[in-house]
Amino acid sequence: MTTQAPTSGFSYSRLQQEHPAATAALGQFGQAIKDSGLSPQLTELVKVRASQKNGCAFCLQYHVNLARSLKVPQAQLDQLATWQESPLFSAAEKAALAWTEALTITPALPDSALMPSLREHFSEADCVHLTLAIAHINAWNRIAGPLGFTPPPAQ
């Protein structure tokens, strides 16, 4: 059985117009992640993977476009769905992607072995920022998908 997002007529711009406080808060949340010092390329890989897992076409295309503009290698984007088996991802990227999947799959109860692996590659502050980035994209996935946002054109 295939499920589809409702055709509600909502769009990102309509959400901004009709719910400015909510979109401003999510925008500030996103800016805090950008300002954290976490690698923008890693942040986009995490957001693309969470969007794949959540089935959000709008967020997936939006963040693939951003990843391309940040020069994330196309080969990594091509193999992101199979990152565990791919030699194209560093140990740090794999730790971040494992954390992404653990926090994206509901309920978000990550395996206790993931944090020590993450800490091998990231500072405590980076672990917090990475967790915030994953929560942020999961929030957007749960807004854009159900409201049926039309994905932006591929770039």
N, C-alpha and C. Protein backbone atom coordinates (compact mmCIF):
# COMPACT_ATOMS: atom_id res chain seq x y z
N MET A 1 0.83 -1.17 0.00
CA MET A 1 0.00 0.00 0.00
C MET A 1 0.88 1.24 0.00
N THR A 2 0.63 2.16 -0.88
CA THR A 2 1.39 3.39 -0.97
C THR A 2 0.65 4.50 -0.25
N THR A 3 1.41 5.27 0.53
CA THR A 3 0.80 6.42 1.18
C THR A 3 1.33 7.67 0.51
N GLN A 4 0.51 8.70 0.48
CA GLN A 4 0.91 9.96 -0.11
C GLN A 4 0.60 11.08 0.85
N ALA A 5 1.39 12.14 0.77
CA ALA A 5 1.11 13.32 1.58
C ALA A 5 -0.17 13.96 1.08
N PRO A 6 -0.93 14.57 1.96
CA PRO A 6 -2.16 15.22 1.53
C PRO A 6 -1.86 16.38 0.59
N THR A 7 -2.78 16.64 -0.28
CA THR A 7 -2.65 17.79 -1.17
C THR A 7 -3.37 18.96 -0.50
N SER A 8 -2.72 19.53 0.49
CA SER A 8 -3.33 20.55 1.32
C SER A 8 -3.20 21.94 0.74
N GLY A 9 -2.38 22.09 -0.29
CA GLY A 9 -2.15 23.43 -0.81
C GLY A 9 -1.15 24.22 0.01
N PHE A 10 -0.57 23.59 1.02
CA PHE A 10 0.43 24.28 1.82
C PHE A 10 1.76 24.28 1.09
N SER A 11 2.54 25.27 1.35
CA SER A 11 3.88 25.38 0.82
C SER A 11 4.73 26.02 1.90
N TYR A 12 6.01 26.02 1.69
CA TYR A 12 6.90 26.66 2.65
C TYR A 12 6.56 28.14 2.76
N SER A 13 6.35 28.79 1.63
CA SER A 13 6.06 30.23 1.68
C SER A 13 4.72 30.50 2.37
N ARG A 14 3.74 29.65 2.17
CA ARG A 14 2.46 29.84 2.85
C ARG A 14 2.62 29.61 4.36
N LEU A 15 3.41 28.61 4.73
CA LEU A 15 3.66 28.37 6.15
C LEU A 15 4.31 29.60 6.77
N GLN A 16 5.30 30.18 6.08
CA GLN A 16 5.96 31.39 6.58
C GLN A 16 4.97 32.53 6.74
N GLN A 17 4.10 32.69 5.77
CA GLN A 17 3.14 33.79 5.79
C GLN A 17 2.10 33.63 6.89
N GLU A 18 1.56 32.43 7.05
CA GLU A 18 0.47 32.21 7.98
C GLU A 18 0.91 31.84 9.39
N HIS A 19 2.14 31.39 9.53
CA HIS A 19 2.65 30.97 10.83
C HIS A 19 4.06 31.51 11.03
N PRO A 20 4.21 32.82 11.00
CA PRO A 20 5.55 33.41 11.05
C PRO A 20 6.33 33.11 12.32
N ALA A 21 5.67 33.03 13.46
CA ALA A 21 6.40 32.76 14.70
C ALA A 21 7.02 31.37 14.69
N ALA A 22 6.27 30.39 14.20
CA ALA A 22 6.79 29.02 14.15
C ALA A 22 7.96 28.90 13.18
N THR A 23 7.80 29.48 11.99
CA THR A 23 8.90 29.38 11.02
C THR A 23 10.11 30.20 11.46
N ALA A 24 9.88 31.32 12.14
CA ALA A 24 11.00 32.10 12.66
C ALA A 24 11.75 31.31 13.73
N ALA A 25 11.03 30.61 14.58
CA ALA A 25 11.67 29.80 15.62
C ALA A 25 12.50 28.69 14.99
N LEU A 26 11.94 28.01 13.99
CA LEU A 26 12.70 26.96 13.32
C LEU A 26 13.90 27.56 12.58
N GLY A 27 13.73 28.75 12.03
CA GLY A 27 14.84 29.44 11.37
C GLY A 27 15.95 29.78 12.34
N GLN A 28 15.60 30.26 13.53
CA GLN A 28 16.60 30.57 14.56
C GLN A 28 17.30 29.29 15.03
N PHE A 29 16.53 28.22 15.14
CA PHE A 29 17.09 26.92 15.51
C PHE A 29 18.14 26.51 14.46
N GLY A 30 17.78 26.63 13.19
CA GLY A 30 18.70 26.30 12.12
C GLY A 30 19.95 27.18 12.12
N GLN A 31 19.77 28.47 12.40
CA GLN A 31 20.91 29.39 12.45
C GLN A 31 21.86 29.02 13.58
N ALA A 32 21.31 28.62 14.71
CA ALA A 32 22.15 28.21 15.84
C ALA A 32 23.00 27.00 15.45
N ILE A 33 22.43 26.10 14.68
CA ILE A 33 23.20 24.93 14.22
C ILE A 33 24.30 25.38 13.26
N LYS A 34 23.96 26.30 12.34
CA LYS A 34 24.98 26.82 11.41
C LYS A 34 26.12 27.50 12.16
N ASP A 35 25.78 28.23 13.23
CA ASP A 35 26.77 28.97 14.01
C ASP A 35 27.56 28.10 14.97
N SER A 36 27.21 26.82 15.08
CA SER A 36 27.82 25.93 16.08
C SER A 36 29.26 25.55 15.76
N GLY A 37 29.66 25.67 14.51
CA GLY A 37 30.99 25.22 14.11
C GLY A 37 31.01 23.81 13.54
N LEU A 38 29.87 23.13 13.60
CA LEU A 38 29.78 21.80 12.99
C LEU A 38 29.95 21.95 11.48
N SER A 39 30.62 21.02 10.85
CA SER A 39 30.86 21.07 9.42
C SER A 39 29.55 21.19 8.64
N PRO A 40 29.42 22.21 7.79
CA PRO A 40 28.19 22.34 7.00
C PRO A 40 27.95 21.14 6.08
N GLN A 41 29.03 20.55 5.54
CA GLN A 41 28.88 19.38 4.68
C GLN A 41 28.33 18.20 5.47
N LEU A 42 28.86 17.98 6.67
CA LEU A 42 28.37 16.90 7.52
C LEU A 42 26.91 17.15 7.91
N THR A 43 26.60 18.39 8.25
CA THR A 43 25.23 18.73 8.62
C THR A 43 24.27 18.41 7.48
N GLU A 44 24.66 18.71 6.25
CA GLU A 44 23.78 18.42 5.11
C GLU A 44 23.67 16.92 4.86
N LEU A 45 24.75 16.16 5.03
CA LEU A 45 24.65 14.71 4.89
C LEU A 45 23.64 14.15 5.89
N VAL A 46 23.70 14.64 7.12
CA VAL A 46 22.79 14.20 8.18
C VAL A 46 21.35 14.56 7.80
N LYS A 47 21.14 15.77 7.31
CA LYS A 47 19.79 16.22 6.97
C LYS A 47 19.23 15.44 5.77
N VAL A 48 20.08 15.15 4.80
CA VAL A 48 19.63 14.35 3.65
C VAL A 48 19.25 12.95 4.13
N ARG A 49 20.08 12.35 4.97
CA ARG A 49 19.79 10.98 5.41
C ARG A 49 18.51 10.93 6.25
N ALA A 50 18.33 11.87 7.16
CA ALA A 50 17.10 11.89 7.96
C ALA A 50 15.89 12.08 7.04
N SER A 51 16.02 12.93 6.04
CA SER A 51 14.90 13.17 5.12
C SER A 51 14.59 11.92 4.30
N GLN A 52 15.63 11.16 3.93
CA GLN A 52 15.40 9.88 3.25
C GLN A 52 14.62 8.94 4.16
N LYS A 53 15.07 8.82 5.40
CA LYS A 53 14.42 7.90 6.35
C LYS A 53 12.98 8.31 6.63
N ASN A 54 12.73 9.62 6.68
CA ASN A 54 11.39 10.12 6.99
C ASN A 54 10.49 10.22 5.75
N GLY A 55 11.06 10.03 4.57
CA GLY A 55 10.26 10.09 3.35
C GLY A 55 9.74 11.47 3.02
N CYS A 56 10.52 12.50 3.31
CA CYS A 56 10.09 13.88 3.05
C CYS A 56 10.75 14.38 1.76
N ALA A 57 9.99 14.37 0.66
CA ALA A 57 10.52 14.76 -0.64
C ALA A 57 10.99 16.21 -0.66
N PHE A 58 10.23 17.09 -0.03
CA PHE A 58 10.61 18.51 -0.01
C PHE A 58 11.96 18.69 0.66
N CYS A 59 12.10 18.20 1.90
CA CYS A 59 13.35 18.38 2.65
C CYS A 59 14.50 17.64 1.98
N LEU A 60 14.23 16.48 1.42
CA LEU A 60 15.27 15.72 0.73
C LEU A 60 15.85 16.53 -0.42
N GLN A 61 14.99 17.04 -1.30
CA GLN A 61 15.50 17.80 -2.45
C GLN A 61 16.15 19.10 -2.00
N TYR A 62 15.54 19.77 -1.03
CA TYR A 62 16.10 21.03 -0.53
C TYR A 62 17.52 20.82 -0.01
N HIS A 63 17.72 19.77 0.79
CA HIS A 63 19.04 19.55 1.39
C HIS A 63 20.03 18.89 0.44
N VAL A 64 19.55 18.14 -0.54
CA VAL A 64 20.45 17.66 -1.60
C VAL A 64 20.98 18.86 -2.37
N ASN A 65 20.10 19.82 -2.69
CA ASN A 65 20.55 21.03 -3.39
C ASN A 65 21.59 21.78 -2.56
N LEU A 66 21.33 21.93 -1.25
CA LEU A 66 22.30 22.61 -0.39
C LEU A 66 23.62 21.83 -0.32
N ALA A 67 23.53 20.52 -0.20
CA ALA A 67 24.74 19.70 -0.15
C ALA A 67 25.57 19.89 -1.41
N ARG A 68 24.92 19.91 -2.55
CA ARG A 68 25.65 20.12 -3.81
C ARG A 68 26.31 21.49 -3.82
N SER A 69 25.60 22.51 -3.34
CA SER A 69 26.18 23.86 -3.33
C SER A 69 27.38 23.95 -2.39
N LEU A 70 27.42 23.08 -1.38
CA LEU A 70 28.54 23.04 -0.45
C LEU A 70 29.64 22.08 -0.90
N LYS A 71 29.50 21.56 -2.11
CA LYS A 71 30.50 20.68 -2.72
C LYS A 71 30.62 19.32 -2.03
N VAL A 72 29.50 18.84 -1.43
CA VAL A 72 29.49 17.45 -0.95
C VAL A 72 29.62 16.59 -2.20
N PRO A 73 30.55 15.65 -2.22
CA PRO A 73 30.74 14.84 -3.42
C PRO A 73 29.46 14.13 -3.86
N GLN A 74 29.19 14.18 -5.16
CA GLN A 74 28.00 13.53 -5.70
C GLN A 74 28.00 12.04 -5.39
N ALA A 75 29.17 11.44 -5.39
CA ALA A 75 29.25 10.00 -5.09
C ALA A 75 28.74 9.71 -3.67
N GLN A 76 29.02 10.60 -2.72
CA GLN A 76 28.50 10.40 -1.37
C GLN A 76 26.98 10.52 -1.36
N LEU A 77 26.46 11.50 -2.08
CA LEU A 77 25.00 11.64 -2.14
C LEU A 77 24.38 10.41 -2.80
N ASP A 78 25.03 9.88 -3.82
CA ASP A 78 24.53 8.69 -4.51
C ASP A 78 24.50 7.47 -3.59
N GLN A 79 25.47 7.36 -2.69
CA GLN A 79 25.59 6.18 -1.85
C GLN A 79 25.10 6.39 -0.41
N LEU A 80 24.48 7.53 -0.14
CA LEU A 80 24.07 7.83 1.23
C LEU A 80 23.10 6.80 1.80
N ALA A 81 22.22 6.27 0.98
CA ALA A 81 21.26 5.27 1.47
C ALA A 81 21.97 3.99 1.92
N THR A 82 23.18 3.76 1.44
CA THR A 82 23.94 2.57 1.81
C THR A 82 25.26 2.95 2.48
N TRP A 83 25.24 4.00 3.26
CA TRP A 83 26.46 4.53 3.87
C TRP A 83 27.23 3.49 4.68
N GLN A 84 26.52 2.54 5.32
CA GLN A 84 27.20 1.56 6.17
C GLN A 84 28.20 0.72 5.37
N GLU A 85 27.86 0.41 4.13
CA GLU A 85 28.71 -0.44 3.30
C GLU A 85 29.65 0.35 2.40
N SER A 86 29.45 1.66 2.31
CA SER A 86 30.22 2.47 1.37
C SER A 86 31.58 2.87 1.93
N PRO A 87 32.62 2.76 1.09
CA PRO A 87 33.94 3.23 1.51
C PRO A 87 34.09 4.74 1.38
N LEU A 88 33.07 5.43 0.89
CA LEU A 88 33.16 6.87 0.63
C LEU A 88 32.97 7.74 1.87
N PHE A 89 32.59 7.13 2.99
CA PHE A 89 32.33 7.89 4.20
C PHE A 89 33.40 7.62 5.24
N SER A 90 33.87 8.68 5.88
CA SER A 90 34.87 8.55 6.94
C SER A 90 34.24 7.91 8.17
N ALA A 91 35.09 7.50 9.09
CA ALA A 91 34.59 6.93 10.35
C ALA A 91 33.75 7.97 11.10
N ALA A 92 34.14 9.22 11.07
CA ALA A 92 33.37 10.28 11.74
C ALA A 92 32.00 10.45 11.07
N GLU A 93 31.98 10.45 9.73
CA GLU A 93 30.70 10.57 9.02
C GLU A 93 29.80 9.38 9.33
N LYS A 94 30.39 8.19 9.38
CA LYS A 94 29.59 6.99 9.69
C LYS A 94 29.04 7.06 11.11
N ALA A 95 29.82 7.55 12.06
CA ALA A 95 29.34 7.70 13.43
C ALA A 95 28.18 8.70 13.47
N ALA A 96 28.30 9.81 12.74
CA ALA A 96 27.24 10.82 12.69
C ALA A 96 25.99 10.27 12.01
N LEU A 97 26.16 9.49 10.96
CA LEU A 97 25.00 8.91 10.26
C LEU A 97 24.33 7.84 11.10
N ALA A 98 25.10 7.06 11.86
CA ALA A 98 24.49 6.08 12.77
C ALA A 98 23.67 6.81 13.84
N TRP A 99 24.20 7.91 14.35
CA TRP A 99 23.48 8.72 15.33
C TRP A 99 22.20 9.29 14.71
N THR A 100 22.30 9.74 13.48
CA THR A 100 21.14 10.27 12.76
C THR A 100 20.04 9.22 12.69
N GLU A 101 20.39 8.03 12.26
CA GLU A 101 19.38 6.99 12.12
C GLU A 101 18.79 6.60 13.47
N ALA A 102 19.61 6.56 14.50
CA ALA A 102 19.11 6.21 15.82
C ALA A 102 18.12 7.25 16.34
N LEU A 103 18.35 8.52 16.02
CA LEU A 103 17.46 9.58 16.48
C LEU A 103 16.29 9.81 15.55
N THR A 104 16.36 9.30 14.34
CA THR A 104 15.30 9.50 13.37
C THR A 104 14.26 8.40 13.45
N ILE A 105 14.68 7.21 13.75
CA ILE A 105 13.74 6.10 13.88
C ILE A 105 13.00 6.25 15.20
N THR A 106 11.70 6.28 15.15
CA THR A 106 10.89 6.48 16.34
C THR A 106 10.65 5.15 17.03
N PRO A 107 10.76 5.02 18.33
CA PRO A 107 11.16 6.09 19.24
C PRO A 107 12.67 6.29 19.21
N ALA A 108 13.10 7.51 19.49
CA ALA A 108 14.52 7.86 19.42
C ALA A 108 15.24 7.40 20.69
N LEU A 109 15.50 6.12 20.73
CA LEU A 109 16.25 5.55 21.84
C LEU A 109 17.51 4.92 21.28
N PRO A 110 18.56 5.71 21.11
CA PRO A 110 19.77 5.19 20.48
C PRO A 110 20.44 4.10 21.30
N ASP A 111 21.06 3.18 20.61
CA ASP A 111 21.85 2.13 21.24
C ASP A 111 22.93 2.80 22.08
N SER A 112 23.13 2.33 23.27
CA SER A 112 24.10 2.95 24.18
C SER A 112 25.53 2.89 23.64
N ALA A 113 25.79 2.00 22.68
CA ALA A 113 27.13 1.90 22.11
C ALA A 113 27.42 3.02 21.12
N LEU A 114 26.40 3.74 20.66
CA LEU A 114 26.62 4.77 19.65
C LEU A 114 27.33 6.00 20.20
N MET A 115 27.02 6.41 21.41
CA MET A 115 27.63 7.62 21.96
C MET A 115 29.15 7.50 22.09
N PRO A 116 29.69 6.41 22.65
CA PRO A 116 31.16 6.32 22.70
C PRO A 116 31.79 6.38 21.30
N SER A 117 31.14 5.76 20.31
CA SER A 117 31.65 5.82 18.95
C SER A 117 31.62 7.24 18.42
N LEU A 118 30.55 7.95 18.70
CA LEU A 118 30.42 9.34 18.27
C LEU A 118 31.50 10.19 18.93
N ARG A 119 31.74 9.95 20.22
CA ARG A 119 32.71 10.74 20.98
C ARG A 119 34.15 10.50 20.53
N GLU A 120 34.39 9.41 19.82
CA GLU A 120 35.73 9.19 19.25
C GLU A 120 36.06 10.23 18.20
N HIS A 121 35.02 10.81 17.59
CA HIS A 121 35.21 11.71 16.46
C HIS A 121 34.77 13.14 16.72
N PHE A 122 33.94 13.36 17.74
CA PHE A 122 33.35 14.67 17.97
C PHE A 122 33.46 15.06 19.44
N SER A 123 33.62 16.35 19.67
CA SER A 123 33.63 16.87 21.04
C SER A 123 32.23 16.76 21.63
N GLU A 124 32.13 16.96 22.94
CA GLU A 124 30.82 16.93 23.58
C GLU A 124 29.91 17.99 22.96
N ALA A 125 30.45 19.19 22.74
CA ALA A 125 29.65 20.27 22.12
C ALA A 125 29.20 19.87 20.72
N ASP A 126 30.09 19.25 19.94
CA ASP A 126 29.70 18.81 18.60
C ASP A 126 28.61 17.74 18.66
N CYS A 127 28.67 16.86 19.65
CA CYS A 127 27.61 15.85 19.82
C CYS A 127 26.27 16.51 20.10
N VAL A 128 26.28 17.55 20.92
CA VAL A 128 25.05 18.30 21.19
C VAL A 128 24.56 18.96 19.90
N HIS A 129 25.46 19.62 19.17
CA HIS A 129 25.07 20.30 17.93
C HIS A 129 24.56 19.32 16.88
N LEU A 130 25.19 18.18 16.78
CA LEU A 130 24.75 17.16 15.84
C LEU A 130 23.35 16.66 16.22
N THR A 131 23.12 16.45 17.50
CA THR A 131 21.81 16.02 17.98
C THR A 131 20.76 17.08 17.68
N LEU A 132 21.11 18.34 17.86
CA LEU A 132 20.18 19.43 17.54
C LEU A 132 19.89 19.48 16.03
N ALA A 133 20.92 19.27 15.21
CA ALA A 133 20.71 19.29 13.75
C ALA A 133 19.76 18.17 13.33
N ILE A 134 19.90 17.01 13.94
CA ILE A 134 19.02 15.87 13.62
C ILE A 134 17.60 16.17 14.08
N ALA A 135 17.45 16.71 15.28
CA ALA A 135 16.11 17.07 15.77
C ALA A 135 15.47 18.13 14.87
N HIS A 136 16.28 19.08 14.41
CA HIS A 136 15.78 20.16 13.56
C HIS A 136 15.24 19.61 12.23
N ILE A 137 16.01 18.75 11.57
CA ILE A 137 15.54 18.23 10.29
C ILE A 137 14.36 17.29 10.49
N ASN A 138 14.35 16.54 11.59
CA ASN A 138 13.19 15.69 11.86
C ASN A 138 11.93 16.53 12.05
N ALA A 139 12.06 17.69 12.70
CA ALA A 139 10.90 18.58 12.85
C ALA A 139 10.42 19.06 11.48
N TRP A 140 11.36 19.50 10.65
CA TRP A 140 10.95 19.96 9.31
C TRP A 140 10.35 18.83 8.48
N ASN A 141 10.90 17.63 8.57
CA ASN A 141 10.35 16.48 7.85
C ASN A 141 8.91 16.22 8.25
N ARG A 142 8.64 16.41 9.54
CA ARG A 142 7.29 16.14 10.05
C ARG A 142 6.33 17.29 9.79
N ILE A 143 6.84 18.40 9.26
CA ILE A 143 6.00 19.52 8.83
C ILE A 143 5.78 19.45 7.33
N ALA A 144 6.87 19.43 6.57
CA ALA A 144 6.79 19.51 5.11
C ALA A 144 6.15 18.27 4.49
N GLY A 145 6.46 17.08 5.00
CA GLY A 145 5.88 15.86 4.44
C GLY A 145 4.38 15.79 4.59
N PRO A 146 3.87 15.86 5.81
CA PRO A 146 2.42 15.77 5.99
C PRO A 146 1.63 16.91 5.33
N LEU A 147 2.23 18.09 5.24
CA LEU A 147 1.53 19.21 4.60
C LEU A 147 1.66 19.18 3.09
N GLY A 148 2.48 18.26 2.59
CA GLY A 148 2.59 18.07 1.14
C GLY A 148 3.33 19.15 0.40
N PHE A 149 4.38 19.72 1.00
CA PHE A 149 5.16 20.73 0.30
C PHE A 149 5.70 20.15 -1.01
N THR A 150 5.65 20.91 -2.07
CA THR A 150 6.21 20.50 -3.35
C THR A 150 7.72 20.66 -3.28
N PRO A 151 8.47 19.63 -3.65
CA PRO A 151 9.93 19.75 -3.61
C PRO A 151 10.43 20.83 -4.55
N PRO A 152 11.51 21.52 -4.18
CA PRO A 152 12.10 22.50 -5.09
C PRO A 152 12.74 21.77 -6.26
N PRO A 153 13.01 22.49 -7.34
CA PRO A 153 13.69 21.84 -8.47
C PRO A 153 15.09 21.38 -8.07
N ALA A 154 15.54 20.31 -8.66
CA ALA A 154 16.90 19.83 -8.44
C ALA A 154 17.87 20.84 -9.03
N GLN A 155 19.01 21.00 -8.38
CA GLN A 155 20.03 21.93 -8.87
C GLN A 155 21.32 21.20 -9.10
